Amino acid sequence: MGALSIQHLLVVLVVVLLLFGSKKLPEIGGGLGRAIKNFKKATTEPDEIDITARNNSNDNNKSA
């Protein structure tokens, strides 16, 4: 009961095709692929922290 057979997958594919249409499926697949790619990229990159000091020129010019 827990395993998906080919028949189950075909029924799901037909239902998705009926709901979204054949023109929307490539857009949905492309968007899902980009989302997975960006997620994998974000999880493998080290966190970048900017620790450089900011030079405020307005504070240095006020000597009065």
PDB file of N, CA and C in Angstrom:
ATOM      1  N   MET A   1       0.814  -1.190   0.000  1.00  0.00           N
ATOM      2  CA  MET A   1       0.000   0.000   0.000  1.00  0.00           C
ATOM      3  C   MET A   1       0.858   1.253   0.000  1.00  0.00           C
ATOM      4  N   GLY A   2       2.058   1.195   0.506  1.00  0.00           N
ATOM      5  CA  GLY A   2       2.893   2.374   0.590  1.00  0.00           C
ATOM      6  C   GLY A   2       3.673   2.679  -0.676  1.00  0.00           C
ATOM      7  N   ALA A   3       3.801   1.707  -1.558  1.00  0.00           N
ATOM      8  CA  ALA A   3       4.594   1.908  -2.773  1.00  0.00           C
ATOM      9  C   ALA A   3       3.741   2.478  -3.900  1.00  0.00           C
ATOM     10  N   LEU A   4       4.343   3.355  -4.675  1.00  0.00           N
ATOM     11  CA  LEU A   4       3.654   3.905  -5.838  1.00  0.00           C
ATOM     12  C   LEU A   4       4.000   3.060  -7.060  1.00  0.00           C
ATOM     13  N   SER A   5       2.981   2.624  -7.758  1.00  0.00           N
ATOM     14  CA  SER A   5       3.226   1.845  -8.974  1.00  0.00           C
ATOM     15  C   SER A   5       3.170   2.769 -10.183  1.00  0.00           C
ATOM     16  N   ILE A   6       3.461   2.214 -11.336  1.00  0.00           N
ATOM     17  CA  ILE A   6       3.412   2.975 -12.585  1.00  0.00           C
ATOM     18  C   ILE A   6       1.992   3.481 -12.830  1.00  0.00           C
ATOM     19  N   GLN A   7       1.008   2.684 -12.494  1.00  0.00           N
ATOM     20  CA  GLN A   7      -0.388   3.087 -12.708  1.00  0.00           C
ATOM     21  C   GLN A   7      -0.737   4.306 -11.858  1.00  0.00           C
ATOM     22  N   HIS A   8      -0.280   4.341 -10.623  1.00  0.00           N
ATOM     23  CA  HIS A   8      -0.535   5.489  -9.758  1.00  0.00           C
ATOM     24  C   HIS A   8       0.118   6.750 -10.323  1.00  0.00           C
ATOM     25  N   LEU A   9       1.355   6.611 -10.776  1.00  0.00           N
ATOM     26  CA  LEU A   9       2.066   7.765 -11.325  1.00  0.00           C
ATOM     27  C   LEU A   9       1.400   8.280 -12.602  1.00  0.00           C
ATOM     28  N   LEU A  10       0.894   7.393 -13.444  1.00  0.00           N
ATOM     29  CA  LEU A  10       0.193   7.810 -14.658  1.00  0.00           C
ATOM     30  C   LEU A  10      -1.097   8.557 -14.332  1.00  0.00           C
ATOM     31  N   VAL A  11      -1.819   8.095 -13.325  1.00  0.00           N
ATOM     32  CA  VAL A  11      -3.042   8.785 -12.919  1.00  0.00           C
ATOM     33  C   VAL A  11      -2.716  10.179 -12.406  1.00  0.00           C
ATOM     34  N   VAL A  12      -1.675  10.310 -11.616  1.00  0.00           N
ATOM     35  CA  VAL A  12      -1.263  11.617 -11.095  1.00  0.00           C
ATOM     36  C   VAL A  12      -0.841  12.527 -12.246  1.00  0.00           C
ATOM     37  N   LEU A  13      -0.104  11.994 -13.217  1.00  0.00           N
ATOM     38  CA  LEU A  13       0.319  12.781 -14.368  1.00  0.00           C
ATOM     39  C   LEU A  13      -0.871  13.276 -15.182  1.00  0.00           C
ATOM     40  N   VAL A  14      -1.873  12.430 -15.375  1.00  0.00           N
ATOM     41  CA  VAL A  14      -3.067  12.827 -16.132  1.00  0.00           C
ATOM     42  C   VAL A  14      -3.833  13.915 -15.384  1.00  0.00           C
ATOM     43  N   VAL A  15      -3.947  13.796 -14.079  1.00  0.00           N
ATOM     44  CA  VAL A  15      -4.659  14.805 -13.289  1.00  0.00           C
ATOM     45  C   VAL A  15      -3.916  16.142 -13.344  1.00  0.00           C
ATOM     46  N   VAL A  16      -2.606  16.121 -13.225  1.00  0.00           N
ATOM     47  CA  VAL A  16      -1.817  17.354 -13.303  1.00  0.00           C
ATOM     48  C   VAL A  16      -1.946  17.969 -14.688  1.00  0.00           C
ATOM     49  N   LEU A  17      -1.927  17.142 -15.711  1.00  0.00           N
ATOM     50  CA  LEU A  17      -2.073  17.636 -17.080  1.00  0.00           C
ATOM     51  C   LEU A  17      -3.435  18.282 -17.286  1.00  0.00           C
ATOM     52  N   LEU A  18      -4.466  17.703 -16.702  1.00  0.00           N
ATOM     53  CA  LEU A  18      -5.807  18.278 -16.826  1.00  0.00           C
ATOM     54  C   LEU A  18      -5.938  19.582 -16.047  1.00  0.00           C
ATOM     55  N   LEU A  19      -5.298  19.663 -14.899  1.00  0.00           N
ATOM     56  CA  LEU A  19      -5.401  20.866 -14.071  1.00  0.00           C
ATOM     57  C   LEU A  19      -4.645  22.046 -14.664  1.00  0.00           C
ATOM     58  N   PHE A  20      -3.421  21.818 -15.112  1.00  0.00           N
ATOM     59  CA  PHE A  20      -2.569  22.923 -15.529  1.00  0.00           C
ATOM     60  C   PHE A  20      -2.497  23.118 -17.036  1.00  0.00           C
ATOM     61  N   GLY A  21      -2.779  22.111 -17.797  1.00  0.00           N
ATOM     62  CA  GLY A  21      -2.676  22.220 -19.253  1.00  0.00           C
ATOM     63  C   GLY A  21      -1.265  21.934 -19.724  1.00  0.00           C
ATOM     64  N   SER A  22      -1.151  21.660 -21.006  1.00  0.00           N
ATOM     65  CA  SER A  22       0.158  21.261 -21.538  1.00  0.00           C
ATOM     66  C   SER A  22       1.095  22.447 -21.709  1.00  0.00           C
ATOM     67  N   LYS A  23       0.590  23.656 -21.790  1.00  0.00           N
ATOM     68  CA  LYS A  23       1.462  24.819 -21.976  1.00  0.00           C
ATOM     69  C   LYS A  23       2.081  25.296 -20.673  1.00  0.00           C
ATOM     70  N   LYS A  24       1.429  25.056 -19.557  1.00  0.00           N
ATOM     71  CA  LYS A  24       1.938  25.516 -18.261  1.00  0.00           C
ATOM     72  C   LYS A  24       2.961  24.555 -17.661  1.00  0.00           C
ATOM     73  N   LEU A  25       2.943  23.294 -18.051  1.00  0.00           N
ATOM     74  CA  LEU A  25       3.840  22.311 -17.439  1.00  0.00           C
ATOM     75  C   LEU A  25       5.322  22.652 -17.628  1.00  0.00           C
ATOM     76  N   PRO A  26       5.777  23.072 -18.814  1.00  0.00           N
ATOM     77  CA  PRO A  26       7.201  23.444 -18.921  1.00  0.00           C
ATOM     78  C   PRO A  26       7.573  24.641 -18.046  1.00  0.00           C
ATOM     79  N   GLU A  27       6.662  25.591 -17.910  1.00  0.00           N
ATOM     80  CA  GLU A  27       6.932  26.749 -17.046  1.00  0.00           C
ATOM     81  C   GLU A  27       7.038  26.326 -15.584  1.00  0.00           C
ATOM     82  N   ILE A  28       6.143  25.455 -15.168  1.00  0.00           N
ATOM     83  CA  ILE A  28       6.166  24.972 -13.786  1.00  0.00           C
ATOM     84  C   ILE A  28       7.437  24.165 -13.536  1.00  0.00           C
ATOM     85  N   GLY A  29       7.798  23.299 -14.490  1.00  0.00           N
ATOM     86  CA  GLY A  29       9.020  22.504 -14.352  1.00  0.00           C
ATOM     87  C   GLY A  29      10.265  23.370 -14.311  1.00  0.00           C
ATOM     88  N   GLY A  30      10.314  24.398 -15.168  1.00  0.00           N
ATOM     89  CA  GLY A  30      11.465  25.299 -15.173  1.00  0.00           C
ATOM     90  C   GLY A  30      11.588  26.082 -13.883  1.00  0.00           C
ATOM     91  N   GLY A  31      10.462  26.554 -13.385  1.00  0.00           N
ATOM     92  CA  GLY A  31      10.478  27.287 -12.120  1.00  0.00           C
ATOM     93  C   GLY A  31      10.897  26.414 -10.959  1.00  0.00           C
ATOM     94  N   LEU A  32      10.428  25.182 -10.949  1.00  0.00           N
ATOM     95  CA  LEU A  32      10.799  24.249  -9.886  1.00  0.00           C
ATOM     96  C   LEU A  32      12.282  23.910  -9.966  1.00  0.00           C
ATOM     97  N   GLY A  33      12.784  23.722 -11.179  1.00  0.00           N
ATOM     98  CA  GLY A  33      14.210  23.440 -11.360  1.00  0.00           C
ATOM     99  C   GLY A  33      15.087  24.583 -10.892  1.00  0.00           C
ATOM    100  N   ARG A  34      14.702  25.829 -11.235  1.00  0.00           N
ATOM    101  CA  ARG A  34      15.470  26.997 -10.773  1.00  0.00           C
ATOM    102  C   ARG A  34      15.431  27.119  -9.255  1.00  0.00           C
ATOM    103  N   ALA A  35      14.280  26.826  -8.669  1.00  0.00           N
ATOM    104  CA  ALA A  35      14.160  26.916  -7.209  1.00  0.00           C
ATOM    105  C   ALA A  35      15.067  25.901  -6.527  1.00  0.00           C
ATOM    106  N   ILE A  36      15.104  24.682  -7.039  1.00  0.00           N
ATOM    107  CA  ILE A  36      15.965  23.648  -6.456  1.00  0.00           C
ATOM    108  C   ILE A  36      17.435  24.020  -6.635  1.00  0.00           C
ATOM    109  N   LYS A  37      17.784  24.543  -7.804  1.00  0.00           N
ATOM    110  CA  LYS A  37      19.168  24.949  -8.074  1.00  0.00           C
ATOM    111  C   LYS A  37      19.605  26.055  -7.128  1.00  0.00           C
ATOM    112  N   ASN A  38      18.753  27.059  -6.938  1.00  0.00           N
ATOM    113  CA  ASN A  38      19.086  28.166  -6.028  1.00  0.00           C
ATOM    114  C   ASN A  38      19.171  27.699  -4.584  1.00  0.00           C
ATOM    115  N   PHE A  39      18.314  26.763  -4.193  1.00  0.00           N
ATOM    116  CA  PHE A  39      18.357  26.243  -2.829  1.00  0.00           C
ATOM    117  C   PHE A  39      19.658  25.483  -2.588  1.00  0.00           C
ATOM    118  N   LYS A  40      20.052  24.635  -3.540  1.00  0.00           N
ATOM    119  CA  LYS A  40      21.303  23.888  -3.389  1.00  0.00           C
ATOM    120  C   LYS A  40      22.493  24.834  -3.337  1.00  0.00           C
ATOM    121  N   LYS A  41      22.461  25.879  -4.169  1.00  0.00           N
ATOM    122  CA  LYS A  41      23.555  26.855  -4.187  1.00  0.00           C
ATOM    123  C   LYS A  41      23.638  27.586  -2.853  1.00  0.00           C
ATOM    124  N   ALA A  42      22.498  27.943  -2.301  1.00  0.00           N
ATOM    125  CA  ALA A  42      22.478  28.673  -1.033  1.00  0.00           C
ATOM    126  C   ALA A  42      22.939  27.810   0.128  1.00  0.00           C
ATOM    127  N   THR A  43      22.677  26.524   0.078  1.00  0.00           N
ATOM    128  CA  THR A  43      23.068  25.661   1.194  1.00  0.00           C
ATOM    129  C   THR A  43      24.538  25.272   1.135  1.00  0.00           C
ATOM    130  N   THR A  44      25.158  25.308  -0.056  1.00  0.00           N
ATOM    131  CA  THR A  44      26.556  24.905  -0.147  1.00  0.00           C
ATOM    132  C   THR A  44      27.516  26.079  -0.041  1.00  0.00           C
ATOM    133  N   GLU A  45      27.057  27.299  -0.280  1.00  0.00           N
ATOM    134  CA  GLU A  45      27.944  28.460  -0.187  1.00  0.00           C
ATOM    135  C   GLU A  45      28.176  28.841   1.274  1.00  0.00           C
ATOM    136  N   PRO A  46      29.398  29.242   1.605  1.00  0.00           N
ATOM    137  CA  PRO A  46      29.631  29.736   2.966  1.00  0.00           C
ATOM    138  C   PRO A  46      28.990  31.110   3.133  1.00  0.00           C
ATOM    139  N   ASP A  47      28.628  31.413   4.353  1.00  0.00           N
ATOM    140  CA  ASP A  47      28.026  32.712   4.643  1.00  0.00           C
ATOM    141  C   ASP A  47      29.079  33.806   4.483  1.00  0.00           C
ATOM    142  N   GLU A  48      28.697  34.857   3.808  1.00  0.00           N
ATOM    143  CA  GLU A  48      29.603  35.981   3.619  1.00  0.00           C
ATOM    144  C   GLU A  48      29.190  37.107   4.551  1.00  0.00           C
ATOM    145  N   ILE A  49      30.134  37.531   5.386  1.00  0.00           N
ATOM    146  CA  ILE A  49      29.872  38.597   6.333  1.00  0.00           C
ATOM    147  C   ILE A  49      30.827  39.742   6.020  1.00  0.00           C
ATOM    148  N   ASP A  50      30.266  40.914   5.796  1.00  0.00           N
ATOM    149  CA  ASP A  50      31.070  42.094   5.502  1.00  0.00           C
ATOM    150  C   ASP A  50      31.454  42.767   6.819  1.00  0.00           C
ATOM    151  N   ILE A  51      32.755  42.741   7.138  1.00  0.00           N
ATOM    152  CA  ILE A  51      33.200  43.313   8.409  1.00  0.00           C
ATOM    153  C   ILE A  51      34.059  44.550   8.199  1.00  0.00           C
ATOM    154  N   THR A  52      34.043  45.123   7.001  1.00  0.00           N
ATOM    155  CA  THR A  52      34.841  46.323   6.750  1.00  0.00           C
ATOM    156  C   THR A  52      34.207  47.517   7.450  1.00  0.00           C
ATOM    157  N   ALA A  53      35.059  48.400   7.949  1.00  0.00           N
ATOM    158  CA  ALA A  53      34.582  49.588   8.652  1.00  0.00           C
ATOM    159  C   ALA A  53      34.100  50.617   7.644  1.00  0.00           C
ATOM    160  N   ARG A  54      33.025  51.298   7.974  1.00  0.00           N
ATOM    161  CA  ARG A  54      32.499  52.356   7.115  1.00  0.00           C
ATOM    162  C   ARG A  54      33.091  53.682   7.548  1.00  0.00           C
ATOM    163  N   ASN A  55      33.519  54.465   6.590  1.00  0.00           N
ATOM    164  CA  ASN A  55      34.106  55.766   6.859  1.00  0.00           C
ATOM    165  C   ASN A  55      33.021  56.819   6.633  1.00  0.00           C
ATOM    166  N   ASN A  56      32.573  57.457   7.702  1.00  0.00           N
ATOM    167  CA  ASN A  56      31.560  58.509   7.604  1.00  0.00           C
ATOM    168  C   ASN A  56      32.260  59.843   7.448  1.00  0.00           C
ATOM    169  N   SER A  57      32.247  60.402   6.238  1.00  0.00           N
ATOM    170  CA  SER A  57      32.943  61.666   5.984  1.00  0.00           C
ATOM    171  C   SER A  57      32.232  62.841   6.645  1.00  0.00           C
ATOM    172  N   ASN A  58      30.953  62.723   6.929  1.00  0.00           N
ATOM    173  CA  ASN A  58      30.222  63.809   7.577  1.00  0.00           C
ATOM    174  C   ASN A  58      30.701  64.031   9.011  1.00  0.00           C
ATOM    175  N   ASP A  59      31.055  62.967   9.718  1.00  0.00           N
ATOM    176  CA  ASP A  59      31.527  63.092  11.096  1.00  0.00           C
ATOM    177  C   ASP A  59      32.911  63.721  11.152  1.00  0.00           C
ATOM    178  N   ASN A  60      33.747  63.469  10.154  1.00  0.00           N
ATOM    179  CA  ASN A  60      35.114  63.997  10.150  1.00  0.00           C
ATOM    180  C   ASN A  60      35.153  65.476   9.789  1.00  0.00           C
ATOM    181  N   ASN A  61      34.215  65.981   9.040  1.00  0.00           N
ATOM    182  CA  ASN A  61      34.214  67.373   8.599  1.00  0.00           C
ATOM    183  C   ASN A  61      33.658  68.330   9.649  1.00  0.00           C
ATOM    184  N   LYS A  62      32.991  67.832  10.662  1.00  0.00           N
ATOM    185  CA  LYS A  62      32.402  68.686  11.703  1.00  0.00           C
ATOM    186  C   LYS A  62      33.427  68.897  12.813  1.00  0.00           C
ATOM    187  N   SER A  63      34.134  70.007  12.777  1.00  0.00           N
ATOM    188  CA  SER A  63      35.117  70.277  13.822  1.00  0.00           C
ATOM    189  C   SER A  63      34.739  71.498  14.642  1.00  0.00           C
ATOM    190  N   ALA A  64      33.594  72.096  14.391  1.00  0.00           N
ATOM    191  CA  ALA A  64      33.206  73.317  15.096  1.00  0.00           C
ATOM    192  C   ALA A  64      32.494  73.038  16.354  1.00  0.00           C
TER     193      ALA A  64
END
